[in-house]
Structures are given as C-alpha cells and as structure tokens.
Amino acid sequence: MSIDNEEYQPINCDDYDNLELACQRQLHLLLQLRDGESVEGKANKLILRKKIEYLLVDSNKGTRELRLDYIISFSNPEIGTIVIEHS
C-alpha cells in the first residue's frame, strides 16, 4: 500500500507549534522522513489539504510538500533537533 493512501496521523501540538515557528522565522531545516530520506530546505509554510497537513519546504530542487506524519524529526541550530510525536 502506498504511504499516500495511509490515514493521516496528526502530530502533537508542540511539534506543530515548532514547525509553525520554523516557518515564521524561515528557518533552514534538516528533516528526516519515514522512508529514510533526508530533506534540507527553508521552512516556508504549513498547509491543510483534504484533511492532511503538509509542510512546504523550499530547497535548491524547488518546493516540496511533506506530509507532517511522514516527518520523523527536524533540526536547526536555533531550535535543536525535534523528534515528532504523533498524537
């Protein structure tokens, strides 16, 4: 089954708030995803589409939409490393 068809698992509020802060400050993040991929880029904004929340990240390869429940952790020197917990 494709992970795109999995039911969305909301992340906890504190982690969401930290991502929101990263977007407001346009922080450069290193994100670890569930499939083992690492994504680096500037946190742009959080969006909601079809009841699924995404983080828009601007990288040198363009803008990526990352489902919040596929992010294992994100880090930046200013905020440290935050491991996402699902609510």
Protein backbone atom coordinates (compact mmCIF):
# COMPACT_ATOMS: atom_id res chain seq x y z
CA MET A 1 0.00 0.00 0.00
CA SER A 2 1.34 3.42 -0.93
CA ILE A 3 2.05 5.68 2.02
CA ASP A 4 0.00 8.37 0.25
CA ASN A 5 -3.12 6.29 0.92
CA GLU A 6 -2.46 5.86 4.63
CA GLU A 7 -4.80 7.62 7.01
CA TYR A 8 -3.28 10.86 8.22
CA GLN A 9 -1.99 10.73 11.81
CA PRO A 10 -1.94 14.23 13.32
CA ILE A 11 1.30 15.21 15.04
CA ASN A 12 1.26 16.58 18.57
CA CYS A 13 0.57 20.27 19.16
CA ASP A 14 4.03 21.17 20.48
CA ASP A 15 5.72 19.73 17.39
CA TYR A 16 3.23 21.54 15.16
CA ASP A 17 3.94 24.80 17.01
CA ASN A 18 7.68 24.30 16.49
CA LEU A 19 7.11 23.79 12.76
CA GLU A 20 4.95 26.92 12.69
CA LEU A 21 7.72 28.87 14.39
CA ALA A 22 10.26 27.50 11.90
CA CYS A 23 8.04 28.75 9.06
CA GLN A 24 7.58 32.20 10.62
CA ARG A 25 11.36 32.52 11.01
CA GLN A 26 12.01 30.90 7.61
CA LEU A 27 14.49 28.56 9.31
CA HIS A 28 16.68 26.23 7.28
CA LEU A 29 15.74 22.72 8.43
CA LEU A 30 17.20 19.27 8.05
CA LEU A 31 14.26 16.85 8.03
CA GLN A 32 14.38 13.07 8.39
CA LEU A 33 11.49 11.29 6.70
CA ARG A 34 9.94 7.90 7.46
CA ASP A 35 11.23 6.35 4.24
CA GLY A 36 14.83 7.15 5.23
CA GLU A 37 15.15 10.21 3.00
CA SER A 38 16.68 13.44 4.33
CA VAL A 39 15.39 16.78 3.06
CA GLU A 40 17.13 20.09 3.60
CA GLY A 41 15.50 23.42 2.94
CA LYS A 42 13.83 26.54 4.23
CA ALA A 43 10.58 26.07 6.12
CA ASN A 44 8.03 28.03 4.11
CA LYS A 45 4.51 27.38 5.40
CA LEU A 46 2.07 24.80 6.70
CA ILE A 47 -0.97 23.98 4.60
CA LEU A 48 -4.03 21.78 5.01
CA ARG A 49 -5.38 19.88 2.03
CA LYS A 50 -8.08 17.19 2.19
CA LYS A 51 -7.66 16.98 5.99
CA ILE A 52 -3.91 16.28 5.63
CA GLU A 53 -1.32 18.76 6.90
CA TYR A 54 1.81 19.48 4.87
CA LEU A 55 4.99 21.46 5.42
CA LEU A 56 6.19 23.37 2.35
CA VAL A 57 9.99 23.33 2.18
CA ASP A 58 11.96 25.40 -0.32
CA SER A 59 15.15 23.63 -1.37
CA ASN A 60 17.56 24.02 -4.26
CA LYS A 61 15.39 21.43 -6.06
CA GLY A 62 12.25 23.56 -5.73
CA THR A 63 9.38 23.48 -3.25
CA ARG A 64 8.44 20.15 -1.69
CA GLU A 65 5.26 19.29 0.20
CA LEU A 66 5.98 16.95 3.09
CA ARG A 67 3.16 15.26 4.96
CA LEU A 68 3.65 16.07 8.62
CA ASP A 69 3.08 12.47 9.68
CA TYR A 70 5.95 11.34 7.38
CA ILE A 71 8.48 13.55 9.16
CA ILE A 72 10.42 11.69 11.86
CA SER A 73 12.44 14.68 13.03
CA PHE A 74 13.61 18.13 12.05
CA SER A 75 16.55 20.15 13.22
CA ASN A 76 18.09 23.61 13.08
CA PRO A 77 20.88 25.05 15.27
CA GLU A 78 18.44 27.62 16.69
CA ILE A 79 15.84 25.09 17.89
CA GLY A 80 17.88 21.89 18.14
CA THR A 81 16.52 18.54 16.98
CA ILE A 82 12.83 17.84 17.46
CA VAL A 83 11.53 14.30 17.13
CA ILE A 84 7.90 14.30 16.03
CA GLU A 85 5.37 12.57 18.24
CA HIS A 86 2.01 11.54 16.89
CA SER A 87 -1.00 12.47 18.97
